Protein backbone atom coordinates (compact mmCIF):
# COMPACT_ATOMS: atom_id res chain seq x y z
CA UNK A 1 -81.10 102.23 5.37
CA UNK A 2 -77.77 102.78 3.72
CA UNK A 3 -79.26 102.65 0.37
CA UNK A 4 -81.23 105.89 1.14
CA UNK A 5 -78.07 107.49 2.69
CA UNK A 6 -79.11 107.03 6.30
CA UNK A 7 -76.92 105.16 8.73
CA UNK A 8 -78.46 102.85 11.39
CA UNK A 9 -76.88 105.11 13.94
CA UNK A 10 -78.79 108.18 12.46
CA UNK A 11 -82.06 106.64 12.34
CA UNK A 12 -81.65 105.37 15.75
CA UNK A 13 -80.62 108.84 16.89
CA UNK A 14 -83.65 110.32 15.22
CA UNK A 15 -85.97 107.81 16.82
CA UNK A 16 -84.72 108.62 20.30
CA UNK A 17 -84.99 112.36 19.71
CA UNK A 18 -88.58 111.80 18.50
CA UNK A 19 -89.29 109.56 21.66
CA UNK A 20 -87.92 112.35 23.84
CA UNK A 21 -90.04 115.05 21.89
CA UNK A 22 -93.35 112.87 22.20
CA UNK A 23 -92.71 112.12 25.95
CA UNK A 24 -91.98 115.68 27.20
CA UNK A 25 -94.54 117.24 24.96
CA UNK A 26 -97.32 115.12 26.35
CA UNK A 27 -95.93 115.57 29.84
CA UNK A 28 -95.90 119.49 29.28
CA UNK A 29 -99.43 119.55 27.89
CA UNK A 30 -100.75 117.47 30.92
CA UNK A 31 -99.09 119.47 33.38
CA UNK A 32 -99.75 122.88 31.92
CA UNK A 33 -103.17 123.06 33.84
CA UNK A 34 -100.99 123.16 36.95
CA UNK A 35 -99.84 126.69 36.06
CA UNK A 36 -103.26 128.11 36.98
CA UNK A 37 -104.41 128.64 40.56
CA UNK A 38 -106.49 126.12 42.13
CA UNK A 39 -110.23 127.44 42.05
CA UNK A 40 -111.85 127.29 45.40
CA UNK A 41 -115.18 127.34 43.56
CA UNK A 42 -114.35 124.03 42.26
CA UNK A 43 -114.33 122.64 45.88
CA UNK A 44 -117.16 121.53 47.93
CA UNK A 45 -118.50 122.73 51.27
CA UNK A 46 -117.88 119.86 53.64
CA UNK A 47 -116.66 119.15 56.98
CA UNK A 48 -112.88 120.25 57.74
CA UNK A 49 -110.18 119.04 59.93
CA UNK A 50 -106.86 120.74 60.39
CA UNK A 51 -103.97 119.24 62.62
CA UNK A 52 -101.32 121.95 62.95
CA UNK A 53 -98.44 119.77 64.28
CA UNK A 54 -99.03 119.12 68.05
CA UNK A 55 -99.95 122.56 68.71
CA UNK A 56 -103.48 123.18 67.30
CA UNK A 57 -106.55 121.06 66.17
CA UNK A 58 -109.39 122.43 64.06
CA UNK A 59 -112.65 120.92 63.63
CA UNK A 60 -115.37 122.57 61.36
CA UNK A 61 -118.88 120.99 60.96
CA UNK A 62 -118.86 122.52 57.42
CA UNK A 63 -116.44 124.91 55.45
CA UNK A 64 -117.36 126.91 52.46
CA UNK A 65 -114.04 127.11 50.32
CA UNK A 66 -115.40 130.10 48.13
CA UNK A 67 -116.42 132.31 51.06
CA UNK A 68 -113.62 131.05 53.52
CA UNK A 69 -116.57 130.65 56.12
CA UNK A 70 -116.59 127.67 58.47
CA UNK A 71 -119.55 126.64 60.80
CA UNK A 72 -119.60 124.77 63.89
CA UNK A 73 -116.06 125.26 64.99
CA UNK A 74 -114.05 123.55 67.78
CA UNK A 75 -110.58 124.78 68.06
CA UNK A 76 -107.97 123.23 70.43
CA UNK A 77 -104.47 124.62 71.29
CA UNK A 78 -102.01 122.76 73.40
CA UNK A 79 -98.68 123.64 75.08
CA UNK A 80 -95.26 122.07 74.86
CA UNK A 81 -96.30 119.07 76.93
CA UNK A 82 -99.64 118.42 75.54
CA UNK A 83 -101.39 120.45 78.31
CA UNK A 84 -104.52 122.43 77.26
CA UNK A 85 -103.90 126.07 76.61
CA UNK A 86 -106.99 127.41 75.00
CA UNK A 87 -110.26 126.25 73.16
CA UNK A 88 -112.69 128.45 71.01
CA UNK A 89 -116.10 127.23 70.27
CA UNK A 90 -117.73 129.59 67.55
CA UNK A 91 -120.82 129.36 65.54
CA UNK A 92 -118.91 130.50 62.51
CA UNK A 93 -115.34 131.51 61.77
CA UNK A 94 -114.02 133.44 58.54
CA UNK A 95 -110.61 133.17 57.12
CA UNK A 96 -109.15 136.29 55.16
CA UNK A 97 -105.55 136.17 54.08
CA UNK A 98 -104.96 139.85 54.97
CA UNK A 99 -106.77 139.88 58.49
CA UNK A 100 -106.63 136.22 59.42
CA UNK A 101 -109.28 134.49 61.47
CA UNK A 102 -112.38 136.17 62.90
CA UNK A 103 -114.69 134.12 65.12
CA UNK A 104 -118.26 134.90 65.73
CA UNK A 105 -120.81 133.95 68.58
CA UNK A 106 -118.99 131.64 70.67
CA UNK A 107 -116.95 130.92 73.87
CA UNK A 108 -113.31 131.18 74.73
CA UNK A 109 -111.77 128.94 77.27
CA UNK A 110 -108.33 129.70 78.68
CA UNK A 111 -106.34 127.14 80.77
CA UNK A 112 -103.27 127.81 83.00
CA UNK A 113 -100.18 126.36 81.32
CA UNK A 114 -96.42 126.77 81.64
CA UNK A 115 -96.86 129.99 79.56
CA UNK A 116 -99.60 131.33 81.68
CA UNK A 117 -103.33 132.19 81.41
CA UNK A 118 -104.35 133.29 78.15
CA UNK A 119 -107.32 135.96 78.41
CA UNK A 120 -108.86 138.05 75.68
CA UNK A 121 -108.31 141.84 76.18
CA UNK A 122 -111.51 144.34 76.62
CA UNK A 123 -111.56 144.95 72.77
CA UNK A 124 -111.47 141.14 72.08
CA UNK A 125 -108.73 141.91 69.62
CA UNK A 126 -105.67 140.14 71.01
CA UNK A 127 -104.57 137.70 73.64
CA UNK A 128 -102.93 138.73 77.08
CA UNK A 129 -100.90 136.15 79.08
CA UNK A 130 -101.31 136.39 82.81
CA UNK A 131 -98.14 134.82 84.05
CA UNK A 132 -98.55 135.65 87.59
CA UNK A 133 -101.30 133.24 88.31
CA UNK A 134 -99.62 130.67 86.49
CA UNK A 135 -96.45 131.03 88.51
CA UNK A 136 -98.35 130.73 91.86
CA UNK A 137 -100.06 127.52 90.90
CA UNK A 138 -97.27 125.97 88.69
CA UNK A 139 -97.35 122.66 90.51
CA UNK A 140 -101.11 122.37 89.49
CA UNK A 141 -100.81 123.30 85.84
CA UNK A 142 -100.74 119.80 84.48
CA UNK A 143 -103.17 118.37 87.07
CA UNK A 144 -106.35 120.37 86.32
CA UNK A 145 -108.84 120.07 83.37
CA UNK A 146 -110.84 123.13 84.51
CA UNK A 147 -110.27 126.37 82.52
CA UNK A 148 -109.04 129.49 84.37
CA UNK A 149 -111.13 131.73 82.40
CA UNK A 150 -114.48 131.31 80.28
CA UNK A 151 -115.95 134.20 78.30
CA UNK A 152 -118.69 134.27 75.71
CA UNK A 153 -118.08 136.66 72.68
CA UNK A 154 -120.11 138.18 69.50
CA UNK A 155 -116.95 138.75 67.69
CA UNK A 156 -113.20 137.80 68.35
CA UNK A 157 -110.47 138.56 66.26
CA UNK A 158 -106.59 139.60 66.00
CA UNK A 159 -105.26 136.33 67.78
CA UNK A 160 -102.54 135.99 65.78
CA UNK A 161 -103.46 132.29 64.47
CA UNK A 162 -101.66 132.07 61.10
CA UNK A 163 -103.20 128.74 60.09
CA UNK A 164 -104.33 128.78 56.44
CA UNK A 165 -107.15 126.55 55.68
CA UNK A 166 -106.39 126.62 51.74
CA UNK A 167 -103.84 123.75 51.64
CA UNK A 168 -106.21 121.56 53.57
CA UNK A 169 -109.02 122.41 51.16
CA UNK A 170 -106.75 121.32 48.31
CA UNK A 171 -106.72 117.74 49.79
CA UNK A 172 -110.34 117.40 48.76
CA UNK A 173 -108.58 116.80 45.19
CA UNK A 174 -107.28 113.21 44.77
CA UNK A 175 -103.47 113.04 44.00
CA UNK A 176 -104.12 111.11 40.73
CA UNK A 177 -106.37 114.09 39.58
CA UNK A 178 -103.69 116.72 40.19
CA UNK A 179 -100.91 117.99 37.74
CA UNK A 180 -97.21 118.36 38.79
CA UNK A 181 -97.72 122.00 39.21
CA UNK A 182 -100.71 121.70 41.60
CA UNK A 183 -98.95 119.05 43.55
CA UNK A 184 -95.86 121.35 44.05
CA UNK A 185 -97.87 124.13 45.22
CA UNK A 186 -99.64 121.96 47.75
CA UNK A 187 -96.49 120.53 48.94
CA UNK A 188 -95.02 123.96 49.14
CA UNK A 189 -97.85 125.48 51.14
CA UNK A 190 -98.85 122.59 53.61
CA UNK A 191 -97.57 123.16 57.00
CA UNK A 192 -96.18 119.54 57.40
CA UNK A 193 -94.97 118.67 53.85
CA UNK A 194 -93.55 115.35 55.25
CA UNK A 195 -96.70 114.42 56.98
CA UNK A 196 -98.84 111.10 56.19
CA UNK A 197 -101.39 113.13 54.28
CA UNK A 198 -98.62 114.19 51.81
CA UNK A 199 -97.44 110.66 50.89
CA UNK A 200 -99.84 110.00 48.06
CA UNK A 201 -99.01 113.43 46.67
CA UNK A 202 -95.35 112.95 46.88
CA UNK A 203 -95.67 109.59 45.10
CA UNK A 204 -97.87 110.96 42.39
CA UNK A 205 -95.44 113.66 41.78
CA UNK A 206 -92.41 111.22 41.13
CA UNK A 207 -94.88 109.06 38.93
CA UNK A 208 -95.67 112.17 36.79
CA UNK A 209 -92.13 113.03 36.51
CA UNK A 210 -91.56 109.67 34.71
CA UNK A 211 -94.21 110.38 32.03
CA UNK A 212 -91.57 111.68 29.78
CA UNK A 213 -88.80 109.06 30.22
CA UNK A 214 -91.42 106.38 30.17
CA UNK A 215 -92.18 107.06 26.48
CA UNK A 216 -88.48 106.73 25.63
CA UNK A 217 -88.19 103.63 27.80
CA UNK A 218 -91.08 101.92 25.97
CA UNK A 219 -89.71 103.00 22.52
CA UNK A 220 -86.21 101.52 23.33
CA UNK A 221 -87.62 98.24 24.62
CA UNK A 222 -89.87 97.99 21.36
CA UNK A 223 -86.80 98.63 19.20
CA UNK A 224 -84.61 96.14 21.31
CA UNK A 225 -87.35 93.47 21.02
CA UNK A 226 -88.06 93.91 17.39
CA UNK A 227 -84.31 93.53 16.44
CA UNK A 228 -83.50 90.75 18.60
CA UNK A 229 -82.53 87.49 16.95
CA UNK A 230 -85.39 84.93 16.72
CA UNK A 231 -88.08 87.43 18.29
CA UNK A 232 -89.71 88.48 15.17
CA UNK A 233 -92.49 85.96 15.54
CA UNK A 234 -95.68 88.10 16.28
CA UNK A 235 -96.74 85.37 19.00
CA UNK A 236 -93.41 85.38 20.67
CA UNK A 237 -93.28 89.24 20.63
CA UNK A 238 -96.99 89.29 21.92
CA UNK A 239 -96.19 86.77 24.71
CA UNK A 240 -92.93 88.79 25.75
CA UNK A 241 -95.04 92.12 25.70
CA UNK A 242 -97.85 90.49 27.92
CA UNK A 243 -95.31 89.27 30.35
CA UNK A 244 -93.62 92.59 30.49
CA UNK A 245 -96.84 94.56 30.92
CA UNK A 246 -97.95 92.11 33.63
CA UNK A 247 -94.56 92.24 35.55
CA UNK A 248 -94.58 96.06 35.42
CA UNK A 249 -97.86 96.40 37.13
CA UNK A 250 -97.01 93.82 39.57
CA UNK A 251 -93.92 95.53 40.62
CA UNK A 252 -95.62 98.96 40.47
CA UNK A 253 -98.33 97.54 42.83
CA UNK A 254 -95.56 96.26 45.24
CA UNK A 255 -93.35 99.53 45.08
CA UNK A 256 -96.47 101.71 45.50
CA UNK A 257 -97.20 99.76 48.68
CA UNK A 258 -93.57 100.21 50.17
CA UNK A 259 -93.63 103.78 49.23
CA UNK A 260 -97.11 104.29 51.10
CA UNK A 261 -95.31 102.65 54.13
CA UNK A 262 -92.35 105.07 53.48
CA UNK A 263 -90.01 102.19 53.30
CA UNK A 264 -89.00 103.53 49.76
CA UNK A 265 -88.54 107.17 48.85
CA UNK A 266 -91.12 108.53 46.25
CA UNK A 267 -88.58 108.58 43.44
CA UNK A 268 -87.31 105.02 44.13
CA UNK A 269 -90.90 103.98 44.24
CA UNK A 270 -91.80 105.40 41.00
CA UNK A 271 -88.47 104.31 39.13
CA UNK A 272 -88.40 100.79 40.31
CA UNK A 273 -91.08 99.36 37.92
CA UNK A 274 -89.13 100.91 34.94
CA UNK A 275 -85.64 99.80 36.17
CA UNK A 276 -86.80 96.20 36.64
CA UNK A 277 -88.47 95.77 33.19
CA UNK A 278 -85.37 97.41 31.43
CA UNK A 279 -83.20 94.94 33.29
CA UNK A 280 -85.58 92.00 32.55
CA UNK A 281 -85.59 93.02 28.75
CA UNK A 282 -81.73 93.20 28.85
CA UNK A 283 -81.44 89.89 30.04
CA UNK A 284 -83.93 88.42 27.58
CA UNK A 285 -82.01 90.05 24.76
CA UNK A 286 -78.65 88.68 26.14
CA UNK A 287 -80.35 85.11 26.06
CA UNK A 288 -81.59 85.64 22.54
CA UNK A 289 -78.11 86.14 21.38
């Protein structure tokens, strides 16, 4: 290299820069699709379940993402101690981001709770809490399963329930099929970003972060093995590479399992295979010297 006026340091620096460029360019191209909004028309009509903490539980027999219309709804709302507060059964329910939820052709059940008895007003556009009755029977609040009020309705709206189904619909898409941008949007909008449903997406986000550095790591490992004394035999290089690849995927399988059980954080889970392989190559090169 010196005969060409290029020092080994300059050559190595150029290779590192190219490695970074290739790694981050591929990462940028792969994640560029995440800039766009997730298209609801790409999602299928299927049953939908939404668990909103310990407060509300939604069941839809079917939900059409493109229209925001769900059919066969069962909605349960609970109090601070898990007691029933209200239930809504509706033939259909429609979500609009500006108006919230509108329920059609169903029945409203209100239960006595520590907060009172929820009843719908005459216009069927809001909830009113009758606290007087609840105070008079507060000793029986947690002992009865019978509703304090049962009323049928053709249209019910304005209940102030803010549960947006969009993030739950995005869960139809598997984590491995999503870009970093899409995963970040899901984690940002999902009500419980630390819930069990989010673990695969958090792990995938950390794994995608490694797309760029992984190219550089592979390049540096290849340079190290190629320049190691006594390692230039093709058979030896092939054997070391095969063992390295096998070790990488075994460690990745183990780390993914630990990450899914939340024993390791997502970033530690994604980083562990690369760290172990780099350490292994470093030990191998020290032995060769």
